[in-house]
Amino acid sequence: MKGGLVAERVANGEAEIGMQQASELMAVPARGAGRPIPLDVQNYTIYSGAVSPPRAPGAADEMLLALADPKNLPLLKKKGLEGP
């Protein structure tokens, strides 16, 4: 299937099962009983950040530092992400 959120396809009956990043599944209110797949077959997406010459000096650095700050872990988890 092309396009659309996987959870929407499962919710409306177009698919019996779906797999997608947890943060994207959370965007669909009727996502059903979503559960992580077993750790031995789990695949994590690792994000990296880099800063090019910014228009607002320091803003990009502040954003990357905020994403890496352990005190923001509750917010990341609320959005379906793991911590730094």
PDB file of N, CA and C in Angstrom:
ATOM      1  N   MET A   1       0.837  -1.184   0.000  1.00  0.00           N
ATOM      2  CA  MET A   1       0.000   0.000   0.000  1.00  0.00           C
ATOM      3  C   MET A   1       0.875   1.237   0.000  1.00  0.00           C
ATOM      4  N   LYS A   2       0.450   2.230  -0.724  1.00  0.00           N
ATOM      5  CA  LYS A   2       1.197   3.483  -0.758  1.00  0.00           C
ATOM      6  C   LYS A   2       0.441   4.573  -0.028  1.00  0.00           C
ATOM      7  N   GLY A   3       1.182   5.436   0.648  1.00  0.00           N
ATOM      8  CA  GLY A   3       0.607   6.617   1.269  1.00  0.00           C
ATOM      9  C   GLY A   3      -0.216   6.329   2.508  1.00  0.00           C
ATOM     10  N   GLY A   4      -0.425   7.362   3.292  1.00  0.00           N
ATOM     11  CA  GLY A   4      -1.244   7.245   4.496  1.00  0.00           C
ATOM     12  C   GLY A   4      -0.499   6.675   5.672  1.00  0.00           C
ATOM     13  N   LEU A   5      -1.086   6.842   6.830  1.00  0.00           N
ATOM     14  CA  LEU A   5      -0.510   6.291   8.047  1.00  0.00           C
ATOM     15  C   LEU A   5      -0.925   4.837   8.211  1.00  0.00           C
ATOM     16  N   VAL A   6       0.008   4.014   8.585  1.00  0.00           N
ATOM     17  CA  VAL A   6      -0.252   2.586   8.760  1.00  0.00           C
ATOM     18  C   VAL A   6      -1.397   2.355   9.735  1.00  0.00           C
ATOM     19  N   ALA A   7      -1.403   3.056  10.849  1.00  0.00           N
ATOM     20  CA  ALA A   7      -2.451   2.865  11.851  1.00  0.00           C
ATOM     21  C   ALA A   7      -3.830   3.184  11.296  1.00  0.00           C
ATOM     22  N   GLU A   8      -3.923   4.154  10.402  1.00  0.00           N
ATOM     23  CA  GLU A   8      -5.216   4.464   9.771  1.00  0.00           C
ATOM     24  C   GLU A   8      -5.690   3.292   8.925  1.00  0.00           C
ATOM     25  N   ARG A   9      -4.758   2.662   8.205  1.00  0.00           N
ATOM     26  CA  ARG A   9      -5.103   1.514   7.360  1.00  0.00           C
ATOM     27  C   ARG A   9      -5.616   0.345   8.203  1.00  0.00           C
ATOM     28  N   VAL A  10      -5.005   0.125   9.341  1.00  0.00           N
ATOM     29  CA  VAL A  10      -5.449  -0.952  10.230  1.00  0.00           C
ATOM     30  C   VAL A  10      -6.799  -0.584  10.846  1.00  0.00           C
ATOM     31  N   ALA A  11      -6.930   0.652  11.299  1.00  0.00           N
ATOM     32  CA  ALA A  11      -8.168   1.098  11.948  1.00  0.00           C
ATOM     33  C   ALA A  11      -9.369   1.030  11.018  1.00  0.00           C
ATOM     34  N   ASN A  12      -9.169   1.331   9.724  1.00  0.00           N
ATOM     35  CA  ASN A  12     -10.314   1.323   8.815  1.00  0.00           C
ATOM     36  C   ASN A  12     -10.487  -0.011   8.084  1.00  0.00           C
ATOM     37  N   GLY A  13      -9.686  -1.025   8.457  1.00  0.00           N
ATOM     38  CA  GLY A  13      -9.876  -2.360   7.903  1.00  0.00           C
ATOM     39  C   GLY A  13      -9.157  -2.639   6.604  1.00  0.00           C
ATOM     40  N   GLU A  14      -8.366  -1.699   6.096  1.00  0.00           N
ATOM     41  CA  GLU A  14      -7.620  -1.935   4.854  1.00  0.00           C
ATOM     42  C   GLU A  14      -6.445  -2.884   5.076  1.00  0.00           C
ATOM     43  N   ALA A  15      -5.995  -3.025   6.328  1.00  0.00           N
ATOM     44  CA  ALA A  15      -4.889  -3.909   6.666  1.00  0.00           C
ATOM     45  C   ALA A  15      -5.197  -4.584   7.994  1.00  0.00           C
ATOM     46  N   GLU A  16      -4.731  -5.824   8.145  1.00  0.00           N
ATOM     47  CA  GLU A  16      -4.951  -6.558   9.392  1.00  0.00           C
ATOM     48  C   GLU A  16      -3.878  -6.258  10.432  1.00  0.00           C
ATOM     49  N   ILE A  17      -2.688  -5.928   9.969  1.00  0.00           N
ATOM     50  CA  ILE A  17      -1.574  -5.655  10.866  1.00  0.00           C
ATOM     51  C   ILE A  17      -0.713  -4.575  10.217  1.00  0.00           C
ATOM     52  N   GLY A  18      -0.077  -3.779  11.041  1.00  0.00           N
ATOM     53  CA  GLY A  18       0.799  -2.745  10.510  1.00  0.00           C
ATOM     54  C   GLY A  18       1.960  -2.498  11.444  1.00  0.00           C
ATOM     55  N   MET A  19       3.067  -2.069  10.880  1.00  0.00           N
ATOM     56  CA  MET A  19       4.248  -1.724  11.674  1.00  0.00           C
ATOM     57  C   MET A  19       4.756  -0.375  11.204  1.00  0.00           C
ATOM     58  N   GLN A  20       5.015   0.483  12.167  1.00  0.00           N
ATOM     59  CA  GLN A  20       5.485   1.827  11.873  1.00  0.00           C
ATOM     60  C   GLN A  20       6.151   2.370  13.128  1.00  0.00           C
ATOM     61  N   GLN A  21       6.896   3.455  12.986  1.00  0.00           N
ATOM     62  CA  GLN A  21       7.537   4.051  14.151  1.00  0.00           C
ATOM     63  C   GLN A  21       6.475   4.472  15.158  1.00  0.00           C
ATOM     64  N   ALA A  22       6.759   4.237  16.429  1.00  0.00           N
ATOM     65  CA  ALA A  22       5.803   4.543  17.497  1.00  0.00           C
ATOM     66  C   ALA A  22       5.368   6.000  17.473  1.00  0.00           C
ATOM     67  N   SER A  23       6.289   6.904  17.193  1.00  0.00           N
ATOM     68  CA  SER A  23       5.941   8.325  17.174  1.00  0.00           C
ATOM     69  C   SER A  23       4.918   8.643  16.088  1.00  0.00           C
ATOM     70  N   GLU A  24       4.930   7.909  14.994  1.00  0.00           N
ATOM     71  CA  GLU A  24       3.961   8.123  13.930  1.00  0.00           C
ATOM     72  C   GLU A  24       2.638   7.427  14.237  1.00  0.00           C
ATOM     73  N   LEU A  25       2.687   6.284  14.893  1.00  0.00           N
ATOM     74  CA  LEU A  25       1.458   5.593  15.285  1.00  0.00           C
ATOM     75  C   LEU A  25       0.640   6.434  16.259  1.00  0.00           C
ATOM     76  N   MET A  26       1.338   7.191  17.106  1.00  0.00           N
ATOM     77  CA  MET A  26       0.651   7.991  18.110  1.00  0.00           C
ATOM     78  C   MET A  26      -0.171   9.124  17.498  1.00  0.00           C
ATOM     79  N   ALA A  27       0.072   9.439  16.233  1.00  0.00           N
ATOM     80  CA  ALA A  27      -0.663  10.518  15.563  1.00  0.00           C
ATOM     81  C   ALA A  27      -2.075  10.098  15.167  1.00  0.00           C
ATOM     82  N   VAL A  28      -2.386   8.815  15.275  1.00  0.00           N
ATOM     83  CA  VAL A  28      -3.696   8.311  14.874  1.00  0.00           C
ATOM     84  C   VAL A  28      -4.487   7.940  16.126  1.00  0.00           C
ATOM     85  N   PRO A  29      -5.587   8.668  16.413  1.00  0.00           N
ATOM     86  CA  PRO A  29      -6.359   8.416  17.635  1.00  0.00           C
ATOM     87  C   PRO A  29      -6.870   6.980  17.739  1.00  0.00           C
ATOM     88  N   ALA A  30      -7.316   6.384  16.655  1.00  0.00           N
ATOM     89  CA  ALA A  30      -7.889   5.029  16.695  1.00  0.00           C
ATOM     90  C   ALA A  30      -6.837   3.993  16.337  1.00  0.00           C
ATOM     91  N   ARG A  31      -5.682   4.070  16.988  1.00  0.00           N
ATOM     92  CA  ARG A  31      -4.592   3.174  16.615  1.00  0.00           C
ATOM     93  C   ARG A  31      -4.729   1.788  17.215  1.00  0.00           C
ATOM     94  N   GLY A  32      -5.697   1.573  18.062  1.00  0.00           N
ATOM     95  CA  GLY A  32      -5.942   0.246  18.612  1.00  0.00           C
ATOM     96  C   GLY A  32      -4.912  -0.156  19.650  1.00  0.00           C
ATOM     97  N   ALA A  33      -4.660  -1.438  19.737  1.00  0.00           N
ATOM     98  CA  ALA A  33      -3.782  -1.995  20.772  1.00  0.00           C
ATOM     99  C   ALA A  33      -2.356  -2.105  20.260  1.00  0.00           C
ATOM    100  N   GLY A  34      -1.755  -1.000  19.893  1.00  0.00           N
ATOM    101  CA  GLY A  34      -0.384  -1.020  19.404  1.00  0.00           C
ATOM    102  C   GLY A  34       0.591  -1.415  20.490  1.00  0.00           C
ATOM    103  N   ARG A  35       1.522  -2.266  20.145  1.00  0.00           N
ATOM    104  CA  ARG A  35       2.547  -2.725  21.083  1.00  0.00           C
ATOM    105  C   ARG A  35       3.882  -2.755  20.345  1.00  0.00           C
ATOM    106  N   PRO A  36       4.974  -2.548  21.082  1.00  0.00           N
ATOM    107  CA  PRO A  36       6.288  -2.678  20.443  1.00  0.00           C
ATOM    108  C   PRO A  36       6.515  -4.114  19.978  1.00  0.00           C
ATOM    109  N   ILE A  37       7.257  -4.256  18.897  1.00  0.00           N
ATOM    110  CA  ILE A  37       7.595  -5.614  18.450  1.00  0.00           C
ATOM    111  C   ILE A  37       8.689  -6.151  19.371  1.00  0.00           C
ATOM    112  N   PRO A  38       8.876  -7.478  19.429  1.00  0.00           N
ATOM    113  CA  PRO A  38       9.874  -8.060  20.336  1.00  0.00           C
ATOM    114  C   PRO A  38      11.278  -7.474  20.113  1.00  0.00           C
ATOM    115  N   LEU A  39      12.020  -7.305  21.200  1.00  0.00           N
ATOM    116  CA  LEU A  39      13.344  -6.689  21.131  1.00  0.00           C
ATOM    117  C   LEU A  39      14.295  -7.394  20.175  1.00  0.00           C
ATOM    118  N   ASP A  40      14.184  -8.729  20.061  1.00  0.00           N
ATOM    119  CA  ASP A  40      15.133  -9.444  19.204  1.00  0.00           C
ATOM    120  C   ASP A  40      14.920  -9.159  17.714  1.00  0.00           C
ATOM    121  N   VAL A  41      13.787  -8.577  17.351  1.00  0.00           N
ATOM    122  CA  VAL A  41      13.566  -8.191  15.951  1.00  0.00           C
ATOM    123  C   VAL A  41      13.314  -6.689  15.811  1.00  0.00           C
ATOM    124  N   GLN A  42      13.463  -5.972  16.910  1.00  0.00           N
ATOM    125  CA  GLN A  42      13.247  -4.528  16.919  1.00  0.00           C
ATOM    126  C   GLN A  42      14.352  -3.820  16.146  1.00  0.00           C
ATOM    127  N   ASN A  43      13.993  -2.750  15.465  1.00  0.00           N
ATOM    128  CA  ASN A  43      14.959  -1.935  14.739  1.00  0.00           C
ATOM    129  C   ASN A  43      14.733  -0.486  15.156  1.00  0.00           C
ATOM    130  N   TYR A  44      15.747   0.138  15.711  1.00  0.00           N
ATOM    131  CA  TYR A  44      15.617   1.511  16.162  1.00  0.00           C
ATOM    132  C   TYR A  44      16.180   2.466  15.116  1.00  0.00           C
ATOM    133  N   THR A  45      15.508   3.567  14.921  1.00  0.00           N
ATOM    134  CA  THR A  45      16.003   4.625  14.051  1.00  0.00           C
ATOM    135  C   THR A  45      16.789   5.593  14.921  1.00  0.00           C
ATOM    136  N   ILE A  46      18.023   5.816  14.568  1.00  0.00           N
ATOM    137  CA  ILE A  46      18.868   6.720  15.330  1.00  0.00           C
ATOM    138  C   ILE A  46      18.973   8.027  14.552  1.00  0.00           C
ATOM    139  N   TYR A  47      18.625   9.105  15.222  1.00  0.00           N
ATOM    140  CA  TYR A  47      18.683  10.425  14.601  1.00  0.00           C
ATOM    141  C   TYR A  47      19.952  11.143  15.038  1.00  0.00           C
ATOM    142  N   SER A  48      20.531  11.875  14.123  1.00  0.00           N
ATOM    143  CA  SER A  48      21.704  12.690  14.416  1.00  0.00           C
ATOM    144  C   SER A  48      21.395  14.116  14.006  1.00  0.00           C
ATOM    145  N   GLY A  49      22.061  15.069  14.612  1.00  0.00           N
ATOM    146  CA  GLY A  49      21.853  16.467  14.274  1.00  0.00           C
ATOM    147  C   GLY A  49      23.167  17.137  13.946  1.00  0.00           C
ATOM    148  N   ALA A  50      23.104  18.094  13.066  1.00  0.00           N
ATOM    149  CA  ALA A  50      24.272  18.892  12.699  1.00  0.00           C
ATOM    150  C   ALA A  50      23.813  20.325  12.513  1.00  0.00           C
ATOM    151  N   VAL A  51      24.726  21.234  12.681  1.00  0.00           N
ATOM    152  CA  VAL A  51      24.401  22.650  12.566  1.00  0.00           C
ATOM    153  C   VAL A  51      25.183  23.254  11.409  1.00  0.00           C
ATOM    154  N   SER A  52      24.471  23.871  10.483  1.00  0.00           N
ATOM    155  CA  SER A  52      25.124  24.629   9.417  1.00  0.00           C
ATOM    156  C   SER A  52      25.110  26.095   9.840  1.00  0.00           C
ATOM    157  N   PRO A  53      25.740  26.967   9.085  1.00  0.00           N
ATOM    158  CA  PRO A  53      25.700  28.376   9.499  1.00  0.00           C
ATOM    159  C   PRO A  53      24.252  28.857   9.623  1.00  0.00           C
ATOM    160  N   PRO A  54      23.773  29.058  10.854  1.00  0.00           N
ATOM    161  CA  PRO A  54      22.364  29.413  11.060  1.00  0.00           C
ATOM    162  C   PRO A  54      22.072  30.894  10.832  1.00  0.00           C
ATOM    163  N   ARG A  55      20.817  31.175  10.528  1.00  0.00           N
ATOM    164  CA  ARG A  55      20.366  32.562  10.418  1.00  0.00           C
ATOM    165  C   ARG A  55      20.225  33.187  11.803  1.00  0.00           C
ATOM    166  N   ALA A  56      19.868  32.370  12.755  1.00  0.00           N
ATOM    167  CA  ALA A  56      19.733  32.829  14.148  1.00  0.00           C
ATOM    168  C   ALA A  56      20.818  32.135  14.961  1.00  0.00           C
ATOM    169  N   PRO A  57      21.985  32.740  15.083  1.00  0.00           N
ATOM    170  CA  PRO A  57      23.088  32.076  15.794  1.00  0.00           C
ATOM    171  C   PRO A  57      22.655  31.563  17.167  1.00  0.00           C
ATOM    172  N   GLY A  58      22.994  30.316  17.408  1.00  0.00           N
ATOM    173  CA  GLY A  58      22.688  29.716  18.704  1.00  0.00           C
ATOM    174  C   GLY A  58      21.372  28.958  18.755  1.00  0.00           C
ATOM    175  N   ALA A  59      20.403  29.301  17.922  1.00  0.00           N
ATOM    176  CA  ALA A  59      19.092  28.654  17.981  1.00  0.00           C
ATOM    177  C   ALA A  59      19.191  27.167  17.641  1.00  0.00           C
ATOM    178  N   ALA A  60      19.962  26.834  16.611  1.00  0.00           N
ATOM    179  CA  ALA A  60      20.108  25.423  16.224  1.00  0.00           C
ATOM    180  C   ALA A  60      20.823  24.644  17.317  1.00  0.00           C
ATOM    181  N   ASP A  61      21.866  25.258  17.890  1.00  0.00           N
ATOM    182  CA  ASP A  61      22.579  24.610  18.999  1.00  0.00           C
ATOM    183  C   ASP A  61      21.643  24.373  20.182  1.00  0.00           C
ATOM    184  N   GLU A  62      20.820  25.355  20.494  1.00  0.00           N
ATOM    185  CA  GLU A  62      19.881  25.225  21.611  1.00  0.00           C
ATOM    186  C   GLU A  62      18.896  24.087  21.373  1.00  0.00           C
ATOM    187  N   MET A  63      18.432  23.948  20.134  1.00  0.00           N
ATOM    188  CA  MET A  63      17.487  22.879  19.829  1.00  0.00           C
ATOM    189  C   MET A  63      18.135  21.509  20.004  1.00  0.00           C
ATOM    190  N   LEU A  64      19.338  21.343  19.466  1.00  0.00           N
ATOM    191  CA  LEU A  64      20.023  20.059  19.600  1.00  0.00           C
ATOM    192  C   LEU A  64      20.327  19.747  21.064  1.00  0.00           C
ATOM    193  N   LEU A  65      20.743  20.747  21.809  1.00  0.00           N
ATOM    194  CA  LEU A  65      21.007  20.534  23.238  1.00  0.00           C
ATOM    195  C   LEU A  65      19.730  20.165  23.991  1.00  0.00           C
ATOM    196  N   ALA A  66      18.609  20.775  23.638  1.00  0.00           N
ATOM    197  CA  ALA A  66      17.330  20.454  24.285  1.00  0.00           C
ATOM    198  C   ALA A  66      16.921  19.010  23.984  1.00  0.00           C
ATOM    199  N   LEU A  67      17.121  18.567  22.742  1.00  0.00           N
ATOM    200  CA  LEU A  67      16.771  17.191  22.385  1.00  0.00           C
ATOM    201  C   LEU A  67      17.641  16.174  23.122  1.00  0.00           C
ATOM    202  N   ALA A  68      18.881  16.556  23.419  1.00  0.00           N
ATOM    203  CA  ALA A  68      19.807  15.643  24.093  1.00  0.00           C
ATOM    204  C   ALA A  68      19.753  15.747  25.614  1.00  0.00           C
ATOM    205  N   ASP A  69      18.994  16.687  26.139  1.00  0.00           N
ATOM    206  CA  ASP A  69      18.943  16.915  27.582  1.00  0.00           C
ATOM    207  C   ASP A  69      18.056  15.870  28.260  1.00  0.00           C
ATOM    208  N   PRO A  70      18.613  15.080  29.185  1.00  0.00           N
ATOM    209  CA  PRO A  70      17.821  14.040  29.856  1.00  0.00           C
ATOM    210  C   PRO A  70      16.573  14.566  30.569  1.00  0.00           C
ATOM    211  N   LYS A  71      16.558  15.826  30.985  1.00  0.00           N
ATOM    212  CA  LYS A  71      15.374  16.356  31.665  1.00  0.00           C
ATOM    213  C   LYS A  71      14.180  16.454  30.718  1.00  0.00           C
ATOM    214  N   ASN A  72      14.423  16.381  29.417  1.00  0.00           N
ATOM    215  CA  ASN A  72      13.335  16.416  28.434  1.00  0.00           C
ATOM    216  C   ASN A  72      12.846  15.017  28.049  1.00  0.00           C
ATOM    217  N   LEU A  73      13.385  13.994  28.697  1.00  0.00           N
ATOM    218  CA  LEU A  73      13.000  12.613  28.408  1.00  0.00           C
ATOM    219  C   LEU A  73      11.493  12.374  28.548  1.00  0.00           C
ATOM    220  N   PRO A  74      10.820  12.904  29.577  1.00  0.00           N
ATOM    221  CA  PRO A  74       9.369  12.683  29.661  1.00  0.00           C
ATOM    222  C   PRO A  74       8.609  13.186  28.421  1.00  0.00           C
ATOM    223  N   LEU A  75       9.015  14.319  27.894  1.00  0.00           N
ATOM    224  CA  LEU A  75       8.364  14.852  26.692  1.00  0.00           C
ATOM    225  C   LEU A  75       8.645  13.960  25.486  1.00  0.00           C
ATOM    226  N   LEU A  76       9.890  13.516  25.338  1.00  0.00           N
ATOM    227  CA  LEU A  76      10.228  12.625  24.222  1.00  0.00           C
ATOM    228  C   LEU A  76       9.402  11.340  24.298  1.00  0.00           C
ATOM    229  N   LYS A  77       9.319  10.741  25.485  1.00  0.00           N
ATOM    230  CA  LYS A  77       8.553   9.499  25.647  1.00  0.00           C
ATOM    231  C   LYS A  77       7.068   9.725  25.354  1.00  0.00           C
ATOM    232  N   LYS A  78       6.555  10.881  25.742  1.00  0.00           N
ATOM    233  CA  LYS A  78       5.142  11.207  25.477  1.00  0.00           C
ATOM    234  C   LYS A  78       4.875  11.240  23.973  1.00  0.00           C
ATOM    235  N   LYS A  79       5.899  11.571  23.204  1.00  0.00           N
ATOM    236  CA  LYS A  79       5.773  11.653  21.750  1.00  0.00           C
ATOM    237  C   LYS A  79       6.189  10.371  21.061  1.00  0.00           C
ATOM    238  N   GLY A  80       6.455   9.303  21.845  1.00  0.00           N
ATOM    239  CA  GLY A  80       6.776   8.004  21.270  1.00  0.00           C
ATOM    240  C   GLY A  80       8.237   7.807  20.945  1.00  0.00           C
ATOM    241  N   LEU A  81       9.103   8.630  21.504  1.00  0.00           N
ATOM    242  CA  LEU A  81      10.530   8.538  21.236  1.00  0.00           C
ATOM    243  C   LEU A  81      11.266   8.018  22.465  1.00  0.00           C
ATOM    244  N   GLU A  82      12.447   7.477  22.236  1.00  0.00           N
ATOM    245  CA  GLU A  82      13.312   7.038  23.328  1.00  0.00           C
ATOM    246  C   GLU A  82      14.240   8.192  23.675  1.00  0.00           C
ATOM    247  N   GLY A  83      14.905   8.067  24.786  1.00  0.00           N
ATOM    248  CA  GLY A  83      15.793   9.125  25.248  1.00  0.00           C
ATOM    249  C   GLY A  83      17.160   9.096  24.632  1.00  0.00           C
ATOM    250  N   PRO A  84      17.898  10.180  24.899  1.00  0.00           N
ATOM    251  CA  PRO A  84      19.277  10.270  24.382  1.00  0.00           C
ATOM    252  C   PRO A  84      20.194   9.294  25.096  1.00  0.00           C
TER     253      PRO A  84
END
